Amino acid sequence: MRRLWPGLYAAVVAVELAGVALDVPALQWAAKPLLAPLLLAWLLRVRRKWDLVAAGLVFATAGDVALLLPGTTAFLVGMGCFLGTQLCLLTAFLRHRRAPLAAFAGYLAVWAGANALLWGRLGDLRLPVLGYSLALSLMAAASVGVSRRAAAGGALFLVSDLLIGLGAAGVEPTGRRLAVMVTYIVALVLLTTAWARRDATERPTVADRPSPPVGATTEA
């Protein structure tokens, strides 16, 4: 399974991106609902336990399916599912290690600026987007405290959803839909793999090191 997984995942990604690029819904329905579950299966095999990041991938699966459906209601349901993803990731990352305050300040500035730019174009979606994007920005900031890989994943997740926000606001730059999926897929992979390998890559801090027995000397 471990040897087959990269090839299987790459094949699913290729089908999904082809479906988006060629605008073939059947290909998207065949591949997109598998993106997060395959990562979840890999994460559970590596970690061998259920945690909040695993729960976040379940929410992401539901959100991916909802966003395959047309209409505002499906869009709002998908946003609600991904809100669950962001809250799960945010909580997991904060419990692991606190990110620098500068990361939160920077991402909150991006959140405020992006919402200010899109506010007049979002209509009835203004408040849902405002709330969801706040959770997303906080998650991206919190990912900085996990590792550089996780931080890159958090940033790409924000970029992906910012591109979705542009579409909701009626702004359609060339290649937007394909860019949404590429950044989203890479973000999920980076966040999941960073979380799975964090124990192996992090170094214990002074506070994490065991204290010497009482009365023991520290001299060489």
N, C-alpha and C. Protein backbone atom coordinates (compact mmCIF):
# COMPACT_ATOMS: atom_id res chain seq x y z
N MET A 1 0.84 -1.20 0.00
CA MET A 1 0.00 0.00 0.00
C MET A 1 0.87 1.25 0.00
N ARG A 2 1.93 1.25 0.83
CA ARG A 2 2.78 2.43 0.93
C ARG A 2 3.47 2.71 -0.41
N ARG A 3 3.85 1.66 -1.16
CA ARG A 3 4.51 1.86 -2.45
C ARG A 3 3.50 2.25 -3.52
N LEU A 4 2.29 1.74 -3.43
CA LEU A 4 1.27 2.02 -4.44
C LEU A 4 0.64 3.38 -4.25
N TRP A 5 0.64 3.90 -3.01
CA TRP A 5 -0.13 5.11 -2.71
C TRP A 5 0.29 6.32 -3.55
N PRO A 6 1.59 6.64 -3.70
CA PRO A 6 1.94 7.84 -4.49
C PRO A 6 1.43 7.78 -5.92
N GLY A 7 1.56 6.62 -6.56
CA GLY A 7 1.08 6.48 -7.93
C GLY A 7 -0.43 6.59 -8.02
N LEU A 8 -1.13 5.97 -7.06
CA LEU A 8 -2.58 6.04 -7.05
C LEU A 8 -3.05 7.48 -6.86
N TYR A 9 -2.42 8.17 -5.91
CA TYR A 9 -2.83 9.55 -5.64
C TYR A 9 -2.53 10.44 -6.85
N ALA A 10 -1.38 10.25 -7.47
CA ALA A 10 -1.02 11.03 -8.65
C ALA A 10 -2.02 10.80 -9.78
N ALA A 11 -2.49 9.57 -9.93
CA ALA A 11 -3.47 9.26 -10.98
C ALA A 11 -4.79 9.97 -10.71
N VAL A 12 -5.23 9.96 -9.45
CA VAL A 12 -6.48 10.65 -9.09
C VAL A 12 -6.35 12.15 -9.32
N VAL A 13 -5.21 12.71 -8.93
CA VAL A 13 -4.97 14.14 -9.15
C VAL A 13 -4.99 14.46 -10.64
N ALA A 14 -4.36 13.63 -11.44
CA ALA A 14 -4.32 13.87 -12.88
C ALA A 14 -5.73 13.85 -13.48
N VAL A 15 -6.56 12.92 -13.05
CA VAL A 15 -7.94 12.85 -13.55
C VAL A 15 -8.71 14.10 -13.14
N GLU A 16 -8.55 14.51 -11.89
CA GLU A 16 -9.26 15.70 -11.41
C GLU A 16 -8.83 16.95 -12.18
N LEU A 17 -7.54 17.14 -12.35
CA LEU A 17 -7.07 18.34 -13.04
C LEU A 17 -7.48 18.32 -14.52
N ALA A 18 -7.49 17.14 -15.12
CA ALA A 18 -7.96 17.04 -16.50
C ALA A 18 -9.44 17.40 -16.58
N GLY A 19 -10.21 16.94 -15.61
CA GLY A 19 -11.63 17.26 -15.59
C GLY A 19 -11.89 18.74 -15.46
N VAL A 20 -11.08 19.41 -14.64
CA VAL A 20 -11.23 20.86 -14.47
C VAL A 20 -10.78 21.60 -15.73
N ALA A 21 -9.61 21.23 -16.25
CA ALA A 21 -9.06 21.92 -17.42
C ALA A 21 -9.94 21.76 -18.64
N LEU A 22 -10.52 20.56 -18.82
CA LEU A 22 -11.34 20.28 -19.99
C LEU A 22 -12.83 20.51 -19.74
N ASP A 23 -13.16 20.88 -18.50
CA ASP A 23 -14.55 21.11 -18.09
C ASP A 23 -15.41 19.87 -18.35
N VAL A 24 -14.95 18.73 -17.80
CA VAL A 24 -15.68 17.47 -17.91
C VAL A 24 -16.15 17.07 -16.51
N PRO A 25 -17.40 17.34 -16.16
CA PRO A 25 -17.90 17.04 -14.81
C PRO A 25 -17.74 15.58 -14.40
N ALA A 26 -17.88 14.65 -15.34
CA ALA A 26 -17.78 13.23 -15.00
C ALA A 26 -16.41 12.89 -14.43
N LEU A 27 -15.36 13.46 -14.99
CA LEU A 27 -14.02 13.23 -14.47
C LEU A 27 -13.86 13.83 -13.07
N GLN A 28 -14.44 15.00 -12.87
CA GLN A 28 -14.35 15.63 -11.55
C GLN A 28 -15.10 14.82 -10.50
N TRP A 29 -16.28 14.31 -10.86
CA TRP A 29 -17.03 13.49 -9.92
C TRP A 29 -16.30 12.18 -9.61
N ALA A 30 -15.54 11.68 -10.58
CA ALA A 30 -14.81 10.42 -10.37
C ALA A 30 -13.60 10.61 -9.46
N ALA A 31 -12.99 11.80 -9.50
CA ALA A 31 -11.71 11.98 -8.81
C ALA A 31 -11.78 12.87 -7.56
N LYS A 32 -12.49 13.98 -7.63
CA LYS A 32 -12.43 14.95 -6.54
C LYS A 32 -12.85 14.37 -5.18
N PRO A 33 -13.90 13.54 -5.11
CA PRO A 33 -14.28 12.98 -3.81
C PRO A 33 -13.25 12.03 -3.22
N LEU A 34 -12.22 11.65 -3.98
CA LEU A 34 -11.19 10.74 -3.48
C LEU A 34 -9.96 11.45 -2.95
N LEU A 35 -9.82 12.76 -3.24
CA LEU A 35 -8.60 13.47 -2.88
C LEU A 35 -8.32 13.44 -1.38
N ALA A 36 -9.27 13.89 -0.59
CA ALA A 36 -9.07 13.91 0.87
C ALA A 36 -9.12 12.52 1.49
N PRO A 37 -10.03 11.61 1.07
CA PRO A 37 -10.03 10.27 1.66
C PRO A 37 -8.74 9.49 1.48
N LEU A 38 -8.09 9.64 0.31
CA LEU A 38 -6.81 8.95 0.12
C LEU A 38 -5.75 9.49 1.08
N LEU A 39 -5.74 10.80 1.28
CA LEU A 39 -4.82 11.38 2.27
C LEU A 39 -5.16 10.92 3.67
N LEU A 40 -6.45 10.82 3.96
CA LEU A 40 -6.88 10.34 5.28
C LEU A 40 -6.41 8.91 5.51
N ALA A 41 -6.57 8.04 4.51
CA ALA A 41 -6.13 6.65 4.66
C ALA A 41 -4.64 6.58 4.91
N TRP A 42 -3.87 7.39 4.18
CA TRP A 42 -2.42 7.42 4.38
C TRP A 42 -2.07 7.94 5.77
N LEU A 43 -2.74 8.99 6.20
CA LEU A 43 -2.46 9.57 7.52
C LEU A 43 -2.74 8.56 8.64
N LEU A 44 -3.86 7.86 8.54
CA LEU A 44 -4.21 6.87 9.57
C LEU A 44 -3.22 5.70 9.56
N ARG A 45 -2.72 5.35 8.39
CA ARG A 45 -1.73 4.27 8.32
C ARG A 45 -0.43 4.69 8.99
N VAL A 46 -0.04 5.95 8.81
CA VAL A 46 1.21 6.44 9.39
C VAL A 46 1.06 6.73 10.88
N ARG A 47 -0.01 7.44 11.23
CA ARG A 47 -0.20 7.88 12.62
C ARG A 47 -0.83 6.81 13.50
N ARG A 48 -1.64 5.95 12.89
CA ARG A 48 -2.32 4.86 13.60
C ARG A 48 -3.23 5.35 14.72
N LYS A 49 -3.80 6.54 14.53
CA LYS A 49 -4.79 7.04 15.48
C LYS A 49 -5.60 8.14 14.83
N TRP A 50 -6.81 8.31 15.37
CA TRP A 50 -7.71 9.35 14.88
C TRP A 50 -7.41 10.65 15.62
N ASP A 51 -7.36 11.75 14.88
CA ASP A 51 -7.14 13.04 15.54
C ASP A 51 -7.89 14.12 14.77
N LEU A 52 -7.68 15.37 15.16
CA LEU A 52 -8.42 16.47 14.57
C LEU A 52 -8.06 16.70 13.10
N VAL A 53 -6.83 16.44 12.71
CA VAL A 53 -6.47 16.60 11.31
C VAL A 53 -7.21 15.56 10.46
N ALA A 54 -7.34 14.34 10.98
CA ALA A 54 -8.13 13.32 10.29
C ALA A 54 -9.58 13.78 10.15
N ALA A 55 -10.13 14.34 11.21
CA ALA A 55 -11.50 14.85 11.16
C ALA A 55 -11.63 15.97 10.13
N GLY A 56 -10.60 16.81 10.07
CA GLY A 56 -10.61 17.88 9.08
C GLY A 56 -10.67 17.37 7.66
N LEU A 57 -10.01 16.25 7.39
CA LEU A 57 -10.05 15.66 6.05
C LEU A 57 -11.43 15.09 5.73
N VAL A 58 -12.15 14.62 6.74
CA VAL A 58 -13.53 14.17 6.52
C VAL A 58 -14.41 15.35 6.12
N PHE A 59 -14.27 16.46 6.83
CA PHE A 59 -15.01 17.67 6.47
C PHE A 59 -14.65 18.12 5.05
N ALA A 60 -13.36 18.02 4.70
CA ALA A 60 -12.92 18.43 3.37
C ALA A 60 -13.56 17.56 2.29
N THR A 61 -13.71 16.27 2.57
CA THR A 61 -14.37 15.38 1.62
C THR A 61 -15.81 15.82 1.37
N ALA A 62 -16.53 16.10 2.45
CA ALA A 62 -17.92 16.55 2.32
C ALA A 62 -17.98 17.88 1.57
N GLY A 63 -17.03 18.77 1.85
CA GLY A 63 -17.00 20.05 1.15
C GLY A 63 -16.72 19.89 -0.33
N ASP A 64 -15.81 19.00 -0.69
CA ASP A 64 -15.49 18.77 -2.09
C ASP A 64 -16.72 18.27 -2.85
N VAL A 65 -17.47 17.36 -2.23
CA VAL A 65 -18.67 16.85 -2.89
C VAL A 65 -19.71 17.95 -3.05
N ALA A 66 -19.92 18.73 -1.99
CA ALA A 66 -20.91 19.80 -2.06
C ALA A 66 -20.57 20.81 -3.15
N LEU A 67 -19.30 21.13 -3.30
CA LEU A 67 -18.90 22.14 -4.28
C LEU A 67 -18.93 21.63 -5.72
N LEU A 68 -19.15 20.33 -5.90
CA LEU A 68 -19.37 19.81 -7.25
C LEU A 68 -20.78 20.11 -7.75
N LEU A 69 -21.66 20.44 -6.81
CA LEU A 69 -23.05 20.73 -7.17
C LEU A 69 -23.21 22.20 -7.51
N PRO A 70 -24.12 22.54 -8.40
CA PRO A 70 -24.33 23.94 -8.77
C PRO A 70 -25.21 24.66 -7.74
N GLY A 71 -25.13 25.99 -7.75
CA GLY A 71 -26.06 26.79 -6.96
C GLY A 71 -25.46 27.35 -5.69
N THR A 72 -26.11 28.39 -5.20
CA THR A 72 -25.65 29.09 -3.99
C THR A 72 -25.77 28.22 -2.75
N THR A 73 -26.85 27.45 -2.67
CA THR A 73 -27.03 26.59 -1.49
C THR A 73 -25.90 25.59 -1.35
N ALA A 74 -25.54 24.94 -2.45
CA ALA A 74 -24.43 23.99 -2.42
C ALA A 74 -23.13 24.68 -2.06
N PHE A 75 -22.94 25.90 -2.57
CA PHE A 75 -21.74 26.67 -2.24
C PHE A 75 -21.66 26.94 -0.75
N LEU A 76 -22.79 27.32 -0.15
CA LEU A 76 -22.81 27.60 1.29
C LEU A 76 -22.59 26.33 2.11
N VAL A 77 -23.16 25.22 1.66
CA VAL A 77 -22.95 23.95 2.36
C VAL A 77 -21.48 23.57 2.29
N GLY A 78 -20.88 23.73 1.11
CA GLY A 78 -19.46 23.43 0.96
C GLY A 78 -18.62 24.32 1.85
N MET A 79 -18.96 25.60 1.91
CA MET A 79 -18.22 26.51 2.77
C MET A 79 -18.34 26.10 4.24
N GLY A 80 -19.56 25.66 4.63
CA GLY A 80 -19.74 25.20 6.00
C GLY A 80 -18.90 23.97 6.32
N CYS A 81 -18.81 23.05 5.36
CA CYS A 81 -17.97 21.86 5.56
C CYS A 81 -16.50 22.25 5.70
N PHE A 82 -16.04 23.14 4.85
CA PHE A 82 -14.65 23.56 4.93
C PHE A 82 -14.38 24.43 6.16
N LEU A 83 -15.42 25.08 6.68
CA LEU A 83 -15.26 25.75 7.97
C LEU A 83 -14.91 24.71 9.04
N GLY A 84 -15.57 23.55 8.98
CA GLY A 84 -15.22 22.46 9.89
C GLY A 84 -13.77 22.03 9.72
N THR A 85 -13.30 21.95 8.47
CA THR A 85 -11.90 21.62 8.21
C THR A 85 -10.97 22.63 8.86
N GLN A 86 -11.24 23.92 8.66
CA GLN A 86 -10.36 24.96 9.20
C GLN A 86 -10.34 24.94 10.72
N LEU A 87 -11.49 24.74 11.34
CA LEU A 87 -11.54 24.73 12.81
C LEU A 87 -10.81 23.51 13.38
N CYS A 88 -10.93 22.36 12.70
CA CYS A 88 -10.19 21.17 13.15
C CYS A 88 -8.69 21.39 13.05
N LEU A 89 -8.24 21.90 11.90
CA LEU A 89 -6.81 22.13 11.72
C LEU A 89 -6.30 23.19 12.68
N LEU A 90 -7.05 24.27 12.83
CA LEU A 90 -6.65 25.35 13.74
C LEU A 90 -6.46 24.83 15.15
N THR A 91 -7.43 24.05 15.63
CA THR A 91 -7.34 23.52 16.99
C THR A 91 -6.16 22.58 17.15
N ALA A 92 -5.96 21.69 16.16
CA ALA A 92 -4.84 20.75 16.22
C ALA A 92 -3.51 21.49 16.24
N PHE A 93 -3.36 22.49 15.39
CA PHE A 93 -2.09 23.21 15.30
C PHE A 93 -1.81 24.01 16.57
N LEU A 94 -2.85 24.65 17.12
CA LEU A 94 -2.65 25.43 18.34
C LEU A 94 -2.29 24.54 19.52
N ARG A 95 -2.87 23.35 19.57
CA ARG A 95 -2.54 22.42 20.65
C ARG A 95 -1.10 21.91 20.51
N HIS A 96 -0.63 21.83 19.28
CA HIS A 96 0.72 21.32 19.05
C HIS A 96 1.76 22.34 19.48
N ARG A 97 1.68 23.54 18.94
CA ARG A 97 2.62 24.60 19.30
C ARG A 97 2.07 25.93 18.81
N ARG A 98 2.23 26.97 19.61
CA ARG A 98 1.73 28.29 19.24
C ARG A 98 2.64 28.94 18.20
N ALA A 99 2.04 29.49 17.17
CA ALA A 99 2.79 30.22 16.14
C ALA A 99 3.14 31.61 16.66
N PRO A 100 4.14 32.27 16.08
CA PRO A 100 4.48 33.63 16.50
C PRO A 100 3.31 34.58 16.28
N LEU A 101 3.20 35.58 17.14
CA LEU A 101 2.13 36.57 17.00
C LEU A 101 2.21 37.30 15.66
N ALA A 102 3.43 37.45 15.14
CA ALA A 102 3.59 38.13 13.85
C ALA A 102 2.86 37.39 12.74
N ALA A 103 2.80 36.07 12.82
CA ALA A 103 2.09 35.29 11.81
C ALA A 103 0.60 35.61 11.85
N PHE A 104 0.05 35.68 13.05
CA PHE A 104 -1.37 36.00 13.18
C PHE A 104 -1.65 37.42 12.71
N ALA A 105 -0.78 38.34 13.07
CA ALA A 105 -0.96 39.73 12.64
C ALA A 105 -0.92 39.85 11.12
N GLY A 106 0.02 39.16 10.49
CA GLY A 106 0.14 39.23 9.04
C GLY A 106 -1.07 38.65 8.33
N TYR A 107 -1.50 37.48 8.78
CA TYR A 107 -2.64 36.85 8.12
C TYR A 107 -3.95 37.60 8.39
N LEU A 108 -4.09 38.19 9.56
CA LEU A 108 -5.28 38.99 9.82
C LEU A 108 -5.31 40.24 8.95
N ALA A 109 -4.14 40.78 8.66
CA ALA A 109 -4.07 41.93 7.75
C ALA A 109 -4.50 41.52 6.34
N VAL A 110 -4.06 40.34 5.91
CA VAL A 110 -4.47 39.83 4.59
C VAL A 110 -5.98 39.60 4.58
N TRP A 111 -6.51 39.02 5.65
CA TRP A 111 -7.96 38.78 5.76
C TRP A 111 -8.75 40.08 5.64
N ALA A 112 -8.33 41.08 6.38
CA ALA A 112 -9.04 42.36 6.35
C ALA A 112 -8.96 43.00 4.96
N GLY A 113 -7.79 42.98 4.35
CA GLY A 113 -7.62 43.58 3.05
C GLY A 113 -8.42 42.89 1.97
N ALA A 114 -8.39 41.54 1.97
CA ALA A 114 -9.12 40.78 0.94
C ALA A 114 -10.62 41.00 1.06
N ASN A 115 -11.13 40.99 2.28
CA ASN A 115 -12.57 41.20 2.46
C ASN A 115 -12.98 42.62 2.10
N ALA A 116 -12.11 43.57 2.37
CA ALA A 116 -12.41 44.96 2.01
C ALA A 116 -12.50 45.11 0.49
N LEU A 117 -11.60 44.44 -0.24
CA LEU A 117 -11.59 44.53 -1.70
C LEU A 117 -12.80 43.86 -2.34
N LEU A 118 -13.24 42.73 -1.75
CA LEU A 118 -14.32 41.96 -2.36
C LEU A 118 -15.69 42.29 -1.80
N TRP A 119 -15.75 43.07 -0.74
CA TRP A 119 -16.99 43.30 0.00
C TRP A 119 -18.13 43.78 -0.91
N GLY A 120 -17.85 44.74 -1.76
CA GLY A 120 -18.90 45.30 -2.60
C GLY A 120 -19.40 44.37 -3.68
N ARG A 121 -18.69 43.27 -3.95
CA ARG A 121 -19.06 42.35 -5.03
C ARG A 121 -19.69 41.06 -4.54
N LEU A 122 -19.66 40.80 -3.22
CA LEU A 122 -20.09 39.50 -2.72
C LEU A 122 -21.58 39.40 -2.43
N GLY A 123 -22.26 40.52 -2.30
CA GLY A 123 -23.70 40.48 -2.06
C GLY A 123 -24.06 39.74 -0.78
N ASP A 124 -25.00 38.78 -0.91
CA ASP A 124 -25.47 38.02 0.26
C ASP A 124 -24.40 37.08 0.83
N LEU A 125 -23.32 36.89 0.10
CA LEU A 125 -22.26 36.01 0.59
C LEU A 125 -21.27 36.73 1.50
N ARG A 126 -21.46 38.03 1.71
CA ARG A 126 -20.48 38.81 2.47
C ARG A 126 -20.20 38.22 3.85
N LEU A 127 -21.24 38.03 4.64
CA LEU A 127 -21.03 37.58 6.02
C LEU A 127 -20.51 36.14 6.08
N PRO A 128 -21.08 35.19 5.30
CA PRO A 128 -20.49 33.84 5.31
C PRO A 128 -19.03 33.83 4.92
N VAL A 129 -18.66 34.60 3.89
CA VAL A 129 -17.27 34.66 3.46
C VAL A 129 -16.40 35.31 4.53
N LEU A 130 -16.92 36.34 5.18
CA LEU A 130 -16.18 37.02 6.24
C LEU A 130 -15.83 36.04 7.37
N GLY A 131 -16.82 35.26 7.81
CA GLY A 131 -16.58 34.32 8.90
C GLY A 131 -15.67 33.18 8.50
N TYR A 132 -15.93 32.60 7.32
CA TYR A 132 -15.10 31.48 6.88
C TYR A 132 -13.67 31.92 6.66
N SER A 133 -13.48 33.05 6.01
CA SER A 133 -12.12 33.50 5.71
C SER A 133 -11.34 33.85 6.97
N LEU A 134 -12.04 34.23 8.03
CA LEU A 134 -11.36 34.48 9.31
C LEU A 134 -10.80 33.18 9.87
N ALA A 135 -11.62 32.12 9.86
CA ALA A 135 -11.14 30.82 10.34
C ALA A 135 -9.99 30.32 9.48
N LEU A 136 -10.10 30.50 8.17
CA LEU A 136 -9.03 30.08 7.25
C LEU A 136 -7.73 30.83 7.54
N SER A 137 -7.82 32.14 7.74
CA SER A 137 -6.63 32.94 8.00
C SER A 137 -5.97 32.55 9.32
N LEU A 138 -6.78 32.27 10.33
CA LEU A 138 -6.23 31.84 11.62
C LEU A 138 -5.55 30.48 11.49
N MET A 139 -6.16 29.57 10.70
CA MET A 139 -5.53 28.27 10.48
C MET A 139 -4.18 28.43 9.79
N ALA A 140 -4.14 29.29 8.76
CA ALA A 140 -2.88 29.49 8.03
C ALA A 140 -1.81 30.05 8.96
N ALA A 141 -2.21 30.96 9.82
CA ALA A 141 -1.25 31.52 10.78
C ALA A 141 -0.78 30.45 11.76
N ALA A 142 -1.71 29.64 12.25
CA ALA A 142 -1.35 28.60 13.22
C ALA A 142 -0.45 27.54 12.59
N SER A 143 -0.57 27.31 11.30
CA SER A 143 0.27 26.30 10.63
C SER A 143 1.75 26.67 10.69
N VAL A 144 2.04 27.95 10.84
CA VAL A 144 3.44 28.38 10.93
C VAL A 144 4.12 27.76 12.15
N GLY A 145 3.35 27.49 13.19
CA GLY A 145 3.92 26.90 14.40
C GLY A 145 4.22 25.41 14.29
N VAL A 146 3.75 24.76 13.23
CA VAL A 146 3.97 23.32 13.07
C VAL A 146 5.30 23.04 12.37
N SER A 147 5.47 23.59 11.19
CA SER A 147 6.71 23.42 10.42
C SER A 147 6.64 24.30 9.18
N ARG A 148 7.77 24.41 8.48
CA ARG A 148 7.77 25.19 7.24
C ARG A 148 6.89 24.54 6.19
N ARG A 149 6.86 23.22 6.16
CA ARG A 149 6.00 22.51 5.20
C ARG A 149 4.54 22.82 5.48
N ALA A 150 4.16 22.77 6.75
CA ALA A 150 2.77 23.09 7.11
C ALA A 150 2.45 24.54 6.80
N ALA A 151 3.40 25.43 7.06
CA ALA A 151 3.18 26.86 6.78
C ALA A 151 2.93 27.08 5.29
N ALA A 152 3.67 26.38 4.43
CA ALA A 152 3.45 26.50 2.99
C ALA A 152 2.07 25.98 2.63
N GLY A 153 1.66 24.88 3.26
CA GLY A 153 0.33 24.34 3.00
C GLY A 153 -0.77 25.29 3.43
N GLY A 154 -0.60 25.90 4.60
CA GLY A 154 -1.59 26.86 5.06
C GLY A 154 -1.71 28.05 4.13
N ALA A 155 -0.58 28.54 3.66
CA ALA A 155 -0.59 29.69 2.75
C ALA A 155 -1.27 29.33 1.43
N LEU A 156 -1.00 28.14 0.90
CA LEU A 156 -1.61 27.73 -0.36
C LEU A 156 -3.11 27.49 -0.22
N PHE A 157 -3.54 27.01 0.94
CA PHE A 157 -4.97 26.83 1.19
C PHE A 157 -5.66 28.19 1.12
N LEU A 158 -5.04 29.20 1.71
CA LEU A 158 -5.60 30.54 1.67
C LEU A 158 -5.65 31.07 0.23
N VAL A 159 -4.57 30.85 -0.52
CA VAL A 159 -4.55 31.30 -1.92
C VAL A 159 -5.67 30.62 -2.72
N SER A 160 -5.84 29.32 -2.52
CA SER A 160 -6.88 28.59 -3.23
C SER A 160 -8.27 29.16 -2.95
N ASP A 161 -8.55 29.40 -1.68
CA ASP A 161 -9.88 29.90 -1.32
C ASP A 161 -10.04 31.37 -1.68
N LEU A 162 -8.95 32.12 -1.73
CA LEU A 162 -9.03 33.49 -2.23
C LEU A 162 -9.45 33.48 -3.70
N LEU A 163 -8.92 32.54 -4.47
CA LEU A 163 -9.32 32.41 -5.87
C LEU A 163 -10.79 32.02 -6.00
N ILE A 164 -11.27 31.17 -5.08
CA ILE A 164 -12.70 30.85 -5.07
C ILE A 164 -13.51 32.10 -4.76
N GLY A 165 -13.02 32.90 -3.82
CA GLY A 165 -13.70 34.14 -3.47
C GLY A 165 -13.78 35.09 -4.65
N LEU A 166 -12.73 35.13 -5.45
CA LEU A 166 -12.76 35.97 -6.65
C LEU A 166 -13.89 35.52 -7.59
N GLY A 167 -14.02 34.21 -7.75
CA GLY A 167 -15.09 33.70 -8.59
C GLY A 167 -16.46 34.05 -8.04
N ALA A 168 -16.63 33.93 -6.71
CA ALA A 168 -17.91 34.28 -6.09
C ALA A 168 -18.21 35.76 -6.26
N ALA A 169 -17.18 36.57 -6.37
CA ALA A 169 -17.35 38.01 -6.55
C ALA A 169 -17.50 38.39 -8.02
N GLY A 170 -17.49 37.41 -8.91
CA GLY A 170 -17.66 37.69 -10.32
C GLY A 170 -16.38 38.05 -11.05
N VAL A 171 -15.24 37.84 -10.41
CA VAL A 171 -13.95 38.11 -11.03
C VAL A 171 -13.40 36.78 -11.55
N GLU A 172 -13.11 36.71 -12.84
CA GLU A 172 -12.73 35.43 -13.44
C GLU A 172 -11.43 35.55 -14.24
N PRO A 173 -10.28 35.60 -13.55
CA PRO A 173 -9.01 35.65 -14.29
C PRO A 173 -8.78 34.33 -15.04
N THR A 174 -8.00 34.38 -16.06
CA THR A 174 -7.72 33.20 -16.89
C THR A 174 -7.08 32.09 -16.05
N GLY A 175 -7.63 30.89 -16.19
CA GLY A 175 -7.07 29.74 -15.48
C GLY A 175 -7.42 29.68 -14.01
N ARG A 176 -8.40 30.47 -13.56
CA ARG A 176 -8.72 30.52 -12.12
C ARG A 176 -9.13 29.16 -11.57
N ARG A 177 -10.03 28.45 -12.26
CA ARG A 177 -10.55 27.19 -11.73
C ARG A 177 -9.44 26.14 -11.61
N LEU A 178 -8.55 26.09 -12.59
CA LEU A 178 -7.45 25.14 -12.51
C LEU A 178 -6.49 25.52 -11.40
N ALA A 179 -6.23 26.82 -11.24
CA ALA A 179 -5.35 27.28 -10.17
C ALA A 179 -5.93 26.98 -8.80
N VAL A 180 -7.26 27.08 -8.68
CA VAL A 180 -7.93 26.73 -7.41
C VAL A 180 -7.60 25.30 -7.02
N MET A 181 -7.74 24.38 -7.97
CA MET A 181 -7.53 22.97 -7.65
C MET A 181 -6.07 22.63 -7.41
N VAL A 182 -5.17 23.21 -8.20
CA VAL A 182 -3.75 22.91 -8.01
C VAL A 182 -3.30 23.37 -6.62
N THR A 183 -3.63 24.59 -6.25
CA THR A 183 -3.21 25.10 -4.94
C THR A 183 -3.88 24.33 -3.80
N TYR A 184 -5.14 23.95 -3.99
CA TYR A 184 -5.86 23.20 -2.95
C TYR A 184 -5.24 21.82 -2.74
N ILE A 185 -4.96 21.12 -3.84
CA ILE A 185 -4.39 19.77 -3.73
C ILE A 185 -3.02 19.82 -3.07
N VAL A 186 -2.17 20.73 -3.52
CA VAL A 186 -0.83 20.85 -2.92
C VAL A 186 -0.95 21.22 -1.45
N ALA A 187 -1.90 22.11 -1.11
CA ALA A 187 -2.08 22.50 0.29
C ALA A 187 -2.46 21.31 1.16
N LEU A 188 -3.40 20.50 0.69
CA LEU A 188 -3.81 19.33 1.46
C LEU A 188 -2.65 18.36 1.67
N VAL A 189 -1.89 18.12 0.60
CA VAL A 189 -0.76 17.20 0.70
C VAL A 189 0.28 17.72 1.69
N LEU A 190 0.62 19.00 1.59
CA LEU A 190 1.62 19.58 2.49
C LEU A 190 1.16 19.55 3.94
N LEU A 191 -0.07 19.93 4.18
CA LEU A 191 -0.58 19.96 5.56
C LEU A 191 -0.64 18.55 6.15
N THR A 192 -1.12 17.60 5.37
CA THR A 192 -1.25 16.23 5.88
C THR A 192 0.11 15.60 6.14
N THR A 193 1.03 15.72 5.20
CA THR A 193 2.35 15.11 5.37
C THR A 193 3.14 15.82 6.47
N ALA A 194 2.98 17.13 6.58
CA ALA A 194 3.66 17.85 7.66
C ALA A 194 3.18 17.38 9.01
N TRP A 195 1.87 17.17 9.12
CA TRP A 195 1.32 16.71 10.40
C TRP A 195 1.78 15.28 10.71
N ALA A 196 1.85 14.43 9.70
CA ALA A 196 2.22 13.04 9.93
C ALA A 196 3.68 12.91 10.36
N ARG A 197 4.54 13.78 9.85
CA ARG A 197 5.97 13.63 10.12
C ARG A 197 6.49 14.61 11.16
N ARG A 198 5.60 15.34 11.82
CA ARG A 198 6.07 16.39 12.73
C ARG A 198 6.87 15.82 13.89
N ASP A 199 6.50 14.64 14.40
CA ASP A 199 7.22 14.07 15.53
C ASP A 199 8.64 13.68 15.17
N ALA A 200 8.84 13.32 13.91
CA ALA A 200 10.17 12.88 13.49
C ALA A 200 11.10 14.04 13.17
N THR A 201 10.51 15.20 12.84
CA THR A 201 11.34 16.31 12.39
C THR A 201 11.60 17.37 13.44
N GLU A 202 10.73 17.45 14.44
CA GLU A 202 10.91 18.51 15.42
C GLU A 202 11.96 18.14 16.45
N ARG A 203 12.65 19.10 16.96
CA ARG A 203 13.64 18.88 18.00
C ARG A 203 13.05 19.29 19.34
N PRO A 204 13.31 18.54 20.41
CA PRO A 204 12.74 18.90 21.70
C PRO A 204 13.31 20.22 22.19
N THR A 205 12.45 21.02 22.78
CA THR A 205 12.89 22.27 23.38
C THR A 205 13.46 21.99 24.76
N VAL A 206 14.04 23.01 25.39
CA VAL A 206 14.59 22.85 26.73
C VAL A 206 13.49 22.40 27.69
N ALA A 207 12.30 22.98 27.49
CA ALA A 207 11.19 22.63 28.39
C ALA A 207 10.76 21.19 28.21
N ASP A 208 10.99 20.62 27.00
CA ASP A 208 10.58 19.24 26.74
C ASP A 208 11.58 18.22 27.27
N ARG A 209 12.83 18.64 27.53
CA ARG A 209 13.85 17.69 27.95
C ARG A 209 13.63 17.29 29.41
N PRO A 210 13.86 16.02 29.72
CA PRO A 210 13.66 15.59 31.10
C PRO A 210 14.65 16.27 32.04
N SER A 211 14.17 16.64 33.22
CA SER A 211 15.02 17.26 34.22
C SER A 211 15.90 16.20 34.87
N PRO A 212 17.13 16.57 35.27
CA PRO A 212 17.99 15.59 35.95
C PRO A 212 17.42 15.23 37.30
N PRO A 213 17.68 14.05 37.80
CA PRO A 213 17.19 13.66 39.11
C PRO A 213 17.63 14.66 40.19
N VAL A 214 16.82 14.78 41.22
CA VAL A 214 17.14 15.68 42.32
C VAL A 214 18.45 15.26 42.96
N GLY A 215 19.36 16.21 43.11
CA GLY A 215 20.64 15.91 43.74
C GLY A 215 21.73 15.52 42.78
N ALA A 216 21.36 15.30 41.51
CA ALA A 216 22.36 14.90 40.54
C ALA A 216 23.19 16.10 40.13
N THR A 217 24.45 15.89 39.84
CA THR A 217 25.34 16.97 39.43
C THR A 217 25.24 17.19 37.95
N THR A 218 25.41 18.41 37.49
CA THR A 218 25.39 18.72 36.06
C THR A 218 26.80 18.90 35.51
N GLU A 219 27.81 18.68 36.36
CA GLU A 219 29.18 18.83 35.90
C GLU A 219 29.60 17.63 35.08
N ALA A 220 30.50 17.87 34.12
CA ALA A 220 31.00 16.76 33.31
C ALA A 220 31.88 15.86 34.13
